[in-house]
Full PDB file with SEQRES, HELIX, SHEET, SSBOND, CRYST1, ORIGX, SCALE, CONECT and MASTER records, all heavy atoms in Angstrom:
SEQRES   1 A   43  MET PRO GLY MET GLY GLY LYS GLU CYS LEU GLY ARG LEU          
SEQRES   2 A   43  ARG GLU GLN ASP PRO GLY VAL ARG VAL LEU VAL ALA THR          
SEQRES   3 A   43  GLY TYR THR SER ASP GLY SER ALA GLN GLU LEU LEU LEU          
SEQRES   4 A   43  GLN GLY ALA LEU                                              
HELIX    1 AA1 GLY A    6  GLN A   16  1                                  11    
HELIX    2 AA2 SER A   33  LEU A   39  1                                   7    
CRYST1    1.000    1.000    1.000  90.00  90.00  90.00 P 1           1          
ORIGX1      1.000000  0.000000  0.000000        0.00000                         
ORIGX2      0.000000  1.000000  0.000000        0.00000                         
ORIGX3      0.000000  0.000000  1.000000        0.00000                         
SCALE1      1.000000  0.000000  0.000000        0.00000                         
SCALE2      0.000000  1.000000  0.000000        0.00000                         
SCALE3      0.000000  0.000000  1.000000        0.00000                         
ATOM      1  N   MET A   1      32.960  77.758  21.732  1.00  0.00           N  
ATOM      2  CA  MET A   1      33.674  77.265  20.555  1.00  0.00           C  
ATOM      3  C   MET A   1      33.047  75.947  20.135  1.00  0.00           C  
ATOM      4  O   MET A   1      32.548  75.202  20.985  1.00  0.00           O  
ATOM      5  CB  MET A   1      35.157  77.040  20.881  1.00  0.00           C  
ATOM      6  CG  MET A   1      35.927  78.287  21.235  1.00  0.00           C  
ATOM      7  SD  MET A   1      37.701  77.978  21.468  1.00  0.00           S  
ATOM      8  CE  MET A   1      37.723  77.006  22.967  1.00  0.00           C  
ATOM      9  N   PRO A   2      33.080  75.626  18.850  1.00  0.00           N  
ATOM     10  CA  PRO A   2      32.525  74.345  18.412  1.00  0.00           C  
ATOM     11  C   PRO A   2      33.338  73.178  18.965  1.00  0.00           C  
ATOM     12  O   PRO A   2      34.561  73.274  19.116  1.00  0.00           O  
ATOM     13  CB  PRO A   2      32.622  74.411  16.885  1.00  0.00           C  
ATOM     14  CG  PRO A   2      33.535  75.535  16.564  1.00  0.00           C  
ATOM     15  CD  PRO A   2      33.610  76.424  17.763  1.00  0.00           C  
ATOM     16  N   GLY A   3      32.655  72.106  19.300  1.00  0.00           N  
ATOM     17  CA  GLY A   3      33.338  70.887  19.733  1.00  0.00           C  
ATOM     18  C   GLY A   3      33.771  70.903  21.181  1.00  0.00           C  
ATOM     19  O   GLY A   3      33.325  70.098  21.968  1.00  0.00           O  
ATOM     20  N   MET A   4      34.623  71.817  21.539  1.00  0.00           N  
ATOM     21  CA  MET A   4      35.158  71.903  22.900  1.00  0.00           C  
ATOM     22  C   MET A   4      35.071  73.361  23.332  1.00  0.00           C  
ATOM     23  O   MET A   4      35.711  74.219  22.756  1.00  0.00           O  
ATOM     24  CB  MET A   4      36.617  71.436  22.944  1.00  0.00           C  
ATOM     25  CG  MET A   4      37.261  71.562  24.312  1.00  0.00           C  
ATOM     26  SD  MET A   4      39.053  71.271  24.302  1.00  0.00           S  
ATOM     27  CE  MET A   4      39.144  69.616  23.680  1.00  0.00           C  
ATOM     28  N   GLY A   5      34.281  73.617  24.353  1.00  0.00           N  
ATOM     29  CA  GLY A   5      34.108  74.984  24.828  1.00  0.00           C  
ATOM     30  C   GLY A   5      35.317  75.505  25.582  1.00  0.00           C  
ATOM     31  O   GLY A   5      36.290  74.786  25.839  1.00  0.00           O  
ATOM     32  N   GLY A   6      35.249  76.757  25.940  1.00  0.00           N  
ATOM     33  CA  GLY A   6      36.352  77.421  26.616  1.00  0.00           C  
ATOM     34  C   GLY A   6      36.722  76.810  27.954  1.00  0.00           C  
ATOM     35  O   GLY A   6      37.887  76.729  28.303  1.00  0.00           O  
ATOM     36  N   LYS A   7      35.730  76.356  28.706  1.00  0.00           N  
ATOM     37  CA  LYS A   7      36.000  75.783  30.029  1.00  0.00           C  
ATOM     38  C   LYS A   7      36.858  74.526  29.921  1.00  0.00           C  
ATOM     39  O   LYS A   7      37.873  74.397  30.607  1.00  0.00           O  
ATOM     40  CB  LYS A   7      34.684  75.475  30.736  1.00  0.00           C  
ATOM     41  CG  LYS A   7      34.851  74.978  32.136  1.00  0.00           C  
ATOM     42  CD  LYS A   7      33.503  74.793  32.811  1.00  0.00           C  
ATOM     43  CE  LYS A   7      33.690  74.291  34.221  1.00  0.00           C  
ATOM     44  NZ  LYS A   7      32.418  74.133  34.921  1.00  0.00           N  
ATOM     45  N   GLU A   8      36.457  73.607  29.056  1.00  0.00           N  
ATOM     46  CA  GLU A   8      37.230  72.374  28.884  1.00  0.00           C  
ATOM     47  C   GLU A   8      38.602  72.676  28.295  1.00  0.00           C  
ATOM     48  O   GLU A   8      39.620  72.108  28.728  1.00  0.00           O  
ATOM     49  CB  GLU A   8      36.493  71.386  27.987  1.00  0.00           C  
ATOM     50  CG  GLU A   8      37.243  70.074  27.832  1.00  0.00           C  
ATOM     51  CD  GLU A   8      36.526  69.066  26.955  1.00  0.00           C  
ATOM     52  OE1 GLU A   8      35.382  69.314  26.529  1.00  0.00           O  
ATOM     53  OE2 GLU A   8      37.138  68.017  26.688  1.00  0.00           O  
ATOM     54  N   CYS A   9      38.655  73.574  27.331  1.00  0.00           N  
ATOM     55  CA  CYS A   9      39.926  73.923  26.701  1.00  0.00           C  
ATOM     56  C   CYS A   9      40.885  74.530  27.718  1.00  0.00           C  
ATOM     57  O   CYS A   9      42.061  74.176  27.750  1.00  0.00           O  
ATOM     58  CB  CYS A   9      39.685  74.863  25.535  1.00  0.00           C  
ATOM     59  SG  CYS A   9      41.165  75.147  24.535  1.00  0.00           S  
ATOM     60  N   LEU A  10      40.383  75.418  28.569  1.00  0.00           N  
ATOM     61  CA  LEU A  10      41.242  76.008  29.601  1.00  0.00           C  
ATOM     62  C   LEU A  10      41.806  74.935  30.520  1.00  0.00           C  
ATOM     63  O   LEU A  10      42.998  74.927  30.823  1.00  0.00           O  
ATOM     64  CB  LEU A  10      40.474  77.047  30.422  1.00  0.00           C  
ATOM     65  CG  LEU A  10      41.225  77.614  31.623  1.00  0.00           C  
ATOM     66  CD1 LEU A  10      42.502  78.335  31.200  1.00  0.00           C  
ATOM     67  CD2 LEU A  10      40.335  78.538  32.428  1.00  0.00           C  
ATOM     68  N   GLY A  11      40.962  74.004  30.943  1.00  0.00           N  
ATOM     69  CA  GLY A  11      41.441  72.921  31.805  1.00  0.00           C  
ATOM     70  C   GLY A  11      42.548  72.118  31.157  1.00  0.00           C  
ATOM     71  O   GLY A  11      43.565  71.809  31.784  1.00  0.00           O  
ATOM     72  N   ARG A  12      42.385  71.801  29.904  1.00  0.00           N  
ATOM     73  CA  ARG A  12      43.403  71.009  29.194  1.00  0.00           C  
ATOM     74  C   ARG A  12      44.672  71.823  28.925  1.00  0.00           C  
ATOM     75  O   ARG A  12      45.777  71.277  28.983  1.00  0.00           O  
ATOM     76  CB  ARG A  12      42.827  70.455  27.908  1.00  0.00           C  
ATOM     77  CG  ARG A  12      41.759  69.418  28.190  1.00  0.00           C  
ATOM     78  CD  ARG A  12      41.482  68.617  26.976  1.00  0.00           C  
ATOM     79  NE  ARG A  12      40.422  67.669  27.217  1.00  0.00           N  
ATOM     80  CZ  ARG A  12      40.014  66.811  26.311  1.00  0.00           C  
ATOM     81  NH1 ARG A  12      40.577  66.795  25.117  1.00  0.00           N  
ATOM     82  NH2 ARG A  12      39.061  65.974  26.579  1.00  0.00           N  
ATOM     83  N   LEU A  13      44.516  73.105  28.638  1.00  0.00           N  
ATOM     84  CA  LEU A  13      45.703  73.951  28.477  1.00  0.00           C  
ATOM     85  C   LEU A  13      46.503  73.983  29.764  1.00  0.00           C  
ATOM     86  O   LEU A  13      47.731  73.896  29.759  1.00  0.00           O  
ATOM     87  CB  LEU A  13      45.297  75.378  28.077  1.00  0.00           C  
ATOM     88  CG  LEU A  13      44.851  75.595  26.640  1.00  0.00           C  
ATOM     89  CD1 LEU A  13      44.248  76.984  26.485  1.00  0.00           C  
ATOM     90  CD2 LEU A  13      46.011  75.400  25.675  1.00  0.00           C  
ATOM     91  N   ARG A  14      45.805  74.112  30.903  1.00  0.00           N  
ATOM     92  CA  ARG A  14      46.487  74.168  32.194  1.00  0.00           C  
ATOM     93  C   ARG A  14      47.140  72.828  32.544  1.00  0.00           C  
ATOM     94  O   ARG A  14      48.126  72.799  33.255  1.00  0.00           O  
ATOM     95  CB  ARG A  14      45.543  74.652  33.278  1.00  0.00           C  
ATOM     96  CG  ARG A  14      45.193  76.141  33.045  1.00  0.00           C  
ATOM     97  CD  ARG A  14      44.431  76.790  34.156  1.00  0.00           C  
ATOM     98  NE  ARG A  14      45.073  76.730  35.445  1.00  0.00           N  
ATOM     99  CZ  ARG A  14      46.056  77.515  35.849  1.00  0.00           C  
ATOM    100  NH1 ARG A  14      46.556  78.430  35.044  1.00  0.00           N  
ATOM    101  NH2 ARG A  14      46.560  77.391  37.065  1.00  0.00           N  
ATOM    102  N   GLU A  15      46.599  71.731  32.032  1.00  0.00           N  
ATOM    103  CA  GLU A  15      47.259  70.431  32.211  1.00  0.00           C  
ATOM    104  C   GLU A  15      48.586  70.417  31.462  1.00  0.00           C  
ATOM    105  O   GLU A  15      49.578  69.901  31.959  1.00  0.00           O  
ATOM    106  CB  GLU A  15      46.371  69.291  31.693  1.00  0.00           C  
ATOM    107  CG  GLU A  15      45.186  68.984  32.577  1.00  0.00           C  
ATOM    108  CD  GLU A  15      44.244  67.966  31.944  1.00  0.00           C  
ATOM    109  OE1 GLU A  15      44.559  67.398  30.863  1.00  0.00           O  
ATOM    110  OE2 GLU A  15      43.163  67.743  32.523  1.00  0.00           O  
ATOM    111  N   GLN A  16      48.599  70.971  30.248  1.00  0.00           N  
ATOM    112  CA  GLN A  16      49.820  71.021  29.449  1.00  0.00           C  
ATOM    113  C   GLN A  16      50.830  71.994  30.036  1.00  0.00           C  
ATOM    114  O   GLN A  16      52.035  71.739  29.996  1.00  0.00           O  
ATOM    115  CB  GLN A  16      49.506  71.454  28.010  1.00  0.00           C  
ATOM    116  CG  GLN A  16      48.820  70.423  27.178  1.00  0.00           C  
ATOM    117  CD  GLN A  16      48.666  70.877  25.733  1.00  0.00           C  
ATOM    118  OE1 GLN A  16      49.491  71.613  25.197  1.00  0.00           O  
ATOM    119  NE2 GLN A  16      47.601  70.436  25.084  1.00  0.00           N  
ATOM    120  N   ASP A  17      50.337  73.124  30.546  1.00  0.00           N  
ATOM    121  CA  ASP A  17      51.213  74.176  31.069  1.00  0.00           C  
ATOM    122  C   ASP A  17      50.470  74.917  32.181  1.00  0.00           C  
ATOM    123  O   ASP A  17      49.661  75.794  31.906  1.00  0.00           O  
ATOM    124  CB  ASP A  17      51.592  75.152  29.952  1.00  0.00           C  
ATOM    125  CG  ASP A  17      52.484  76.293  30.430  1.00  0.00           C  
ATOM    126  OD1 ASP A  17      52.782  76.384  31.642  1.00  0.00           O  
ATOM    127  OD2 ASP A  17      52.869  77.118  29.584  1.00  0.00           O  
ATOM    128  N   PRO A  18      50.721  74.559  33.447  1.00  0.00           N  
ATOM    129  CA  PRO A  18      50.014  75.194  34.562  1.00  0.00           C  
ATOM    130  C   PRO A  18      50.193  76.715  34.615  1.00  0.00           C  
ATOM    131  O   PRO A  18      49.368  77.415  35.195  1.00  0.00           O  
ATOM    132  CB  PRO A  18      50.620  74.538  35.804  1.00  0.00           C  
ATOM    133  CG  PRO A  18      51.190  73.259  35.325  1.00  0.00           C  
ATOM    134  CD  PRO A  18      51.635  73.512  33.902  1.00  0.00           C  
ATOM    135  N   GLY A  19      51.209  77.239  33.982  1.00  0.00           N  
ATOM    136  CA  GLY A  19      51.461  78.674  33.996  1.00  0.00           C  
ATOM    137  C   GLY A  19      50.886  79.417  32.804  1.00  0.00           C  
ATOM    138  O   GLY A  19      51.132  80.608  32.647  1.00  0.00           O  
ATOM    139  N   VAL A  20      50.092  78.731  31.969  1.00  0.00           N  
ATOM    140  CA  VAL A  20      49.539  79.363  30.777  1.00  0.00           C  
ATOM    141  C   VAL A  20      48.703  80.581  31.170  1.00  0.00           C  
ATOM    142  O   VAL A  20      47.963  80.560  32.142  1.00  0.00           O  
ATOM    143  CB  VAL A  20      48.707  78.371  29.938  1.00  0.00           C  
ATOM    144  CG1 VAL A  20      47.485  77.862  30.682  1.00  0.00           C  
ATOM    145  CG2 VAL A  20      48.310  78.987  28.599  1.00  0.00           C  
ATOM    146  N   ARG A  21      48.873  81.655  30.411  1.00  0.00           N  
ATOM    147  CA  ARG A  21      48.104  82.879  30.660  1.00  0.00           C  
ATOM    148  C   ARG A  21      46.958  82.930  29.660  1.00  0.00           C  
ATOM    149  O   ARG A  21      47.186  82.874  28.447  1.00  0.00           O  
ATOM    150  CB  ARG A  21      49.001  84.101  30.530  1.00  0.00           C  
ATOM    151  CG  ARG A  21      50.052  84.124  31.654  1.00  0.00           C  
ATOM    152  CD  ARG A  21      50.940  85.300  31.548  1.00  0.00           C  
ATOM    153  NE  ARG A  21      51.889  85.078  30.456  1.00  0.00           N  
ATOM    154  CZ  ARG A  21      52.991  85.774  30.302  1.00  0.00           C  
ATOM    155  NH1 ARG A  21      53.290  86.746  31.126  1.00  0.00           N  
ATOM    156  NH2 ARG A  21      53.810  85.520  29.301  1.00  0.00           N  
ATOM    157  N   VAL A  22      45.734  83.022  30.187  1.00  0.00           N  
ATOM    158  CA  VAL A  22      44.534  82.935  29.358  1.00  0.00           C  
ATOM    159  C   VAL A  22      43.578  84.075  29.679  1.00  0.00           C  
ATOM    160  O   VAL A  22      43.308  84.356  30.846  1.00  0.00           O  
ATOM    161  CB  VAL A  22      43.813  81.581  29.594  1.00  0.00           C  
ATOM    162  CG1 VAL A  22      42.505  81.521  28.808  1.00  0.00           C  
ATOM    163  CG2 VAL A  22      44.712  80.411  29.225  1.00  0.00           C  
ATOM    164  N   LEU A  23      43.085  84.702  28.621  1.00  0.00           N  
ATOM    165  CA  LEU A  23      41.966  85.634  28.717  1.00  0.00           C  
ATOM    166  C   LEU A  23      40.769  84.952  28.071  1.00  0.00           C  
ATOM    167  O   LEU A  23      40.928  84.207  27.103  1.00  0.00           O  
ATOM    168  CB  LEU A  23      42.251  86.934  27.969  1.00  0.00           C  
ATOM    169  CG  LEU A  23      43.325  87.846  28.540  1.00  0.00           C  
ATOM    170  CD1 LEU A  23      43.548  89.027  27.598  1.00  0.00           C  
ATOM    171  CD2 LEU A  23      42.926  88.342  29.927  1.00  0.00           C  
ATOM    172  N   VAL A  24      39.585  85.214  28.598  1.00  0.00           N  
ATOM    173  CA  VAL A  24      38.370  84.620  28.076  1.00  0.00           C  
ATOM    174  C   VAL A  24      37.550  85.695  27.372  1.00  0.00           C  
ATOM    175  O   VAL A  24      37.258  86.733  27.966  1.00  0.00           O  
ATOM    176  CB  VAL A  24      37.540  83.992  29.216  1.00  0.00           C  
ATOM    177  CG1 VAL A  24      36.241  83.430  28.674  1.00  0.00           C  
ATOM    178  CG2 VAL A  24      38.348  82.929  29.932  1.00  0.00           C  
ATOM    179  N   ALA A  25      37.191  85.433  26.123  1.00  0.00           N  
ATOM    180  CA  ALA A  25      36.338  86.345  25.366  1.00  0.00           C  
ATOM    181  C   ALA A  25      34.918  85.795  25.397  1.00  0.00           C  
ATOM    182  O   ALA A  25      34.693  84.619  25.104  1.00  0.00           O  
ATOM    183  CB  ALA A  25      36.828  86.460  23.926  1.00  0.00           C  
ATOM    184  N   THR A  26      33.973  86.639  25.785  1.00  0.00           N  
ATOM    185  CA  THR A  26      32.594  86.196  25.862  1.00  0.00           C  
ATOM    186  C   THR A  26      31.632  87.357  25.710  1.00  0.00           C  
ATOM    187  O   THR A  26      31.975  88.492  26.026  1.00  0.00           O  
ATOM    188  CB  THR A  26      32.314  85.455  27.190  1.00  0.00           C  
ATOM    189  OG1 THR A  26      30.977  84.971  27.182  1.00  0.00           O  
ATOM    190  CG2 THR A  26      32.536  86.355  28.384  1.00  0.00           C  
ATOM    191  N   GLY A  27      30.459  87.051  25.250  1.00  0.00           N  
ATOM    192  CA  GLY A  27      29.380  88.022  25.190  1.00  0.00           C  
ATOM    193  C   GLY A  27      28.392  87.793  26.315  1.00  0.00           C  
ATOM    194  O   GLY A  27      27.402  88.479  26.441  1.00  0.00           O  
ATOM    195  N   TYR A  28      28.678  86.798  27.159  1.00  0.00           N  
ATOM    196  CA  TYR A  28      27.768  86.402  28.235  1.00  0.00           C  
ATOM    197  C   TYR A  28      28.435  86.528  29.596  1.00  0.00           C  
ATOM    198  O   TYR A  28      28.734  85.542  30.245  1.00  0.00           O  
ATOM    199  CB  TYR A  28      27.317  84.950  28.040  1.00  0.00           C  
ATOM    200  CG  TYR A  28      26.734  84.674  26.686  1.00  0.00           C  
ATOM    201  CD1 TYR A  28      27.499  84.073  25.692  1.00  0.00           C  
ATOM    202  CD2 TYR A  28      25.423  85.020  26.393  1.00  0.00           C  
ATOM    203  CE1 TYR A  28      26.960  83.822  24.441  1.00  0.00           C  
ATOM    204  CE2 TYR A  28      24.883  84.776  25.144  1.00  0.00           C  
ATOM    205  CZ  TYR A  28      25.653  84.172  24.175  1.00  0.00           C  
ATOM    206  OH  TYR A  28      25.123  83.932  22.939  1.00  0.00           O  
ATOM    207  N   THR A  29      28.693  87.734  30.044  1.00  0.00           N  
ATOM    208  CA  THR A  29      29.405  87.915  31.314  1.00  0.00           C  
ATOM    209  C   THR A  29      28.504  87.750  32.523  1.00  0.00           C  
ATOM    210  O   THR A  29      28.997  87.574  33.623  1.00  0.00           O  
ATOM    211  CB  THR A  29      30.082  89.293  31.381  1.00  0.00           C  
ATOM    212  OG1 THR A  29      29.089  90.294  31.190  1.00  0.00           O  
ATOM    213  CG2 THR A  29      31.166  89.432  30.348  1.00  0.00           C  
ATOM    214  N   SER A  30      27.194  87.775  32.338  1.00  0.00           N  
ATOM    215  CA  SER A  30      26.310  87.726  33.498  1.00  0.00           C  
ATOM    216  C   SER A  30      25.845  86.317  33.854  1.00  0.00           C  
ATOM    217  O   SER A  30      25.202  86.125  34.867  1.00  0.00           O  
ATOM    218  CB  SER A  30      25.084  88.618  33.256  1.00  0.00           C  
ATOM    219  OG  SER A  30      24.363  88.140  32.132  1.00  0.00           O  
ATOM    220  N   ASP A  31      26.195  85.307  33.046  1.00  0.00           N  
ATOM    221  CA  ASP A  31      25.664  83.971  33.327  1.00  0.00           C  
ATOM    222  C   ASP A  31      26.521  83.153  34.281  1.00  0.00           C  
ATOM    223  O   ASP A  31      26.166  82.050  34.643  1.00  0.00           O  
ATOM    224  CB  ASP A  31      25.406  83.206  32.030  1.00  0.00           C  
ATOM    225  CG  ASP A  31      26.673  82.728  31.335  1.00  0.00           C  
ATOM    226  OD1 ASP A  31      27.782  83.046  31.795  1.00  0.00           O  
ATOM    227  OD2 ASP A  31      26.543  82.029  30.315  1.00  0.00           O  
ATOM    228  N   GLY A  32      27.649  83.645  34.709  1.00  0.00           N  
ATOM    229  CA  GLY A  32      28.482  82.944  35.683  1.00  0.00           C  
ATOM    230  C   GLY A  32      29.513  82.017  35.081  1.00  0.00           C  
ATOM    231  O   GLY A  32      30.471  81.649  35.747  1.00  0.00           O  
ATOM    232  N   SER A  33      29.346  81.590  33.841  1.00  0.00           N  
ATOM    233  CA  SER A  33      30.303  80.663  33.223  1.00  0.00           C  
ATOM    234  C   SER A  33      31.685  81.280  33.110  1.00  0.00           C  
ATOM    235  O   SER A  33      32.695  80.613  33.370  1.00  0.00           O  
ATOM    236  CB  SER A  33      29.827  80.255  31.833  1.00  0.00           C  
ATOM    237  OG  SER A  33      28.591  79.621  31.904  1.00  0.00           O  
ATOM    238  N   ALA A  34      31.743  82.533  32.713  1.00  0.00           N  
ATOM    239  CA  ALA A  34      33.040  83.201  32.597  1.00  0.00           C  
ATOM    240  C   ALA A  34      33.697  83.328  33.962  1.00  0.00           C  
ATOM    241  O   ALA A  34      34.917  83.180  34.084  1.00  0.00           O  
ATOM    242  CB  ALA A  34      32.871  84.571  31.944  1.00  0.00           C  
ATOM    243  N   GLN A  35      32.900  83.572  34.987  1.00  0.00           N  
ATOM    244  CA  GLN A  35      33.446  83.677  36.346  1.00  0.00           C  
ATOM    245  C   GLN A  35      34.071  82.353  36.776  1.00  0.00           C  
ATOM    246  O   GLN A  35      35.079  82.334  37.468  1.00  0.00           O  
ATOM    247  CB  GLN A  35      32.349  84.100  37.328  1.00  0.00           C  
ATOM    248  CG  GLN A  35      31.733  85.448  37.032  1.00  0.00           C  
ATOM    249  CD  GLN A  35      32.744  86.591  37.018  1.00  0.00           C  
ATOM    250  OE1 GLN A  35      33.654  86.634  37.823  1.00  0.00           O  
ATOM    251  NE2 GLN A  35      32.580  87.508  36.080  1.00  0.00           N  
ATOM    252  N   GLU A  36      33.471  81.234  36.366  1.00  0.00           N  
ATOM    253  CA  GLU A  36      34.038  79.918  36.673  1.00  0.00           C  
ATOM    254  C   GLU A  36      35.440  79.787  36.083  1.00  0.00           C  
ATOM    255  O   GLU A  36      36.329  79.199  36.696  1.00  0.00           O  
ATOM    256  CB  GLU A  36      33.154  78.805  36.109  1.00  0.00           C  
ATOM    257  CG  GLU A  36      31.872  78.593  36.853  1.00  0.00           C  
ATOM    258  CD  GLU A  36      31.067  77.458  36.235  1.00  0.00           C  
ATOM    259  OE1 GLU A  36      31.676  76.438  35.828  1.00  0.00           O  
ATOM    260  OE2 GLU A  36      29.838  77.598  36.164  1.00  0.00           O  
ATOM    261  N   LEU A  37      35.635  80.339  34.884  1.00  0.00           N  
ATOM    262  CA  LEU A  37      36.952  80.255  34.248  1.00  0.00           C  
ATOM    263  C   LEU A  37      37.984  81.076  35.011  1.00  0.00           C  
ATOM    264  O   LEU A  37      39.161  80.708  35.064  1.00  0.00           O  
ATOM    265  CB  LEU A  37      36.873  80.684  32.786  1.00  0.00           C  
ATOM    266  CG  LEU A  37      36.088  79.731  31.891  1.00  0.00           C  
ATOM    267  CD1 LEU A  37      35.992  80.284  30.488  1.00  0.00           C  
ATOM    268  CD2 LEU A  37      36.713  78.360  31.858  1.00  0.00           C  
ATOM    269  N   LEU A  38      37.566  82.166  35.616  1.00  0.00           N  
ATOM    270  CA  LEU A  38      38.488  82.933  36.459  1.00  0.00           C  
ATOM    271  C   LEU A  38      38.924  82.079  37.642  1.00  0.00           C  
ATOM    272  O   LEU A  38      40.092  82.091  38.037  1.00  0.00           O  
ATOM    273  CB  LEU A  38      37.831  84.225  36.944  1.00  0.00           C  
ATOM    274  CG  LEU A  38      37.567  85.277  35.867  1.00  0.00           C  
ATOM    275  CD1 LEU A  38      36.786  86.445  36.462  1.00  0.00           C  
ATOM    276  CD2 LEU A  38      38.852  85.758  35.227  1.00  0.00           C  
ATOM    277  N   LEU A  39      38.004  81.320  38.203  1.00  0.00           N  
ATOM    278  CA  LEU A  39      38.340  80.427  39.313  1.00  0.00           C  
ATOM    279  C   LEU A  39      39.260  79.296  38.869  1.00  0.00           C  
ATOM    280  O   LEU A  39      40.038  78.782  39.657  1.00  0.00           O  
ATOM    281  CB  LEU A  39      37.066  79.855  39.945  1.00  0.00           C  
ATOM    282  CG  LEU A  39      36.164  80.873  40.620  1.00  0.00           C  
ATOM    283  CD1 LEU A  39      34.855  80.217  41.068  1.00  0.00           C  
ATOM    284  CD2 LEU A  39      36.864  81.534  41.803  1.00  0.00           C  
ATOM    285  N   GLN A  40      39.188  78.925  37.598  1.00  0.00           N  
ATOM    286  CA  GLN A  40      40.064  77.894  37.028  1.00  0.00           C  
ATOM    287  C   GLN A  40      41.437  78.437  36.670  1.00  0.00           C  
ATOM    288  O   GLN A  40      42.300  77.682  36.250  1.00  0.00           O  
ATOM    289  CB  GLN A  40      39.443  77.298  35.767  1.00  0.00           C  
ATOM    290  CG  GLN A  40      38.429  76.230  36.004  1.00  0.00           C  
ATOM    291  CD  GLN A  40      38.021  75.610  34.679  1.00  0.00           C  
ATOM    292  OE1 GLN A  40      36.996  75.968  34.119  1.00  0.00           O  
ATOM    293  NE2 GLN A  40      38.815  74.685  34.184  1.00  0.00           N  
ATOM    294  N   GLY A  41      41.625  79.750  36.772  1.00  0.00           N  
ATOM    295  CA  GLY A  41      42.946  80.301  36.500  1.00  0.00           C  
ATOM    296  C   GLY A  41      43.046  81.267  35.341  1.00  0.00           C  
ATOM    297  O   GLY A  41      44.139  81.740  35.044  1.00  0.00           O  
ATOM    298  N   ALA A  42      41.933  81.551  34.659  1.00  0.00           N  
ATOM    299  CA  ALA A  42      41.989  82.561  33.605  1.00  0.00           C  
ATOM    300  C   ALA A  42      42.329  83.905  34.236  1.00  0.00           C  
ATOM    301  O   ALA A  42      41.935  84.197  35.364  1.00  0.00           O  
ATOM    302  CB  ALA A  42      40.652  82.640  32.858  1.00  0.00           C  
ATOM    303  N   LEU A  43      43.064  84.734  33.509  1.00  0.00           N  
ATOM    304  CA  LEU A  43      43.498  86.033  34.038  1.00  0.00           C  
ATOM    305  C   LEU A  43      42.417  87.091  34.003  1.00  0.00           C  
ATOM    306  O   LEU A  43      42.421  88.018  34.803  1.00  0.00           O  
ATOM    307  CB  LEU A  43      44.698  86.541  33.241  1.00  0.00           C  
ATOM    308  CG  LEU A  43      45.969  85.732  33.330  1.00  0.00           C  
ATOM    309  CD1 LEU A  43      47.009  86.301  32.375  1.00  0.00           C  
ATOM    310  CD2 LEU A  43      46.502  85.714  34.748  1.00  0.00           C  
TER     311      LEU A  43                                                      
MASTER        0    0    0    2    0    0    0    6  310    1    0    4          
END                                                                             
């Protein structure tokens, strides 16, 4: 996303609401970045 990517946004959403349910949309599933978001709590 412009300005603030999904990783930073997920972290800040979880600060506001630790129970937030998040899915990550990406075209780059093999680069490991999306997997990091799963470790951060994305569903």
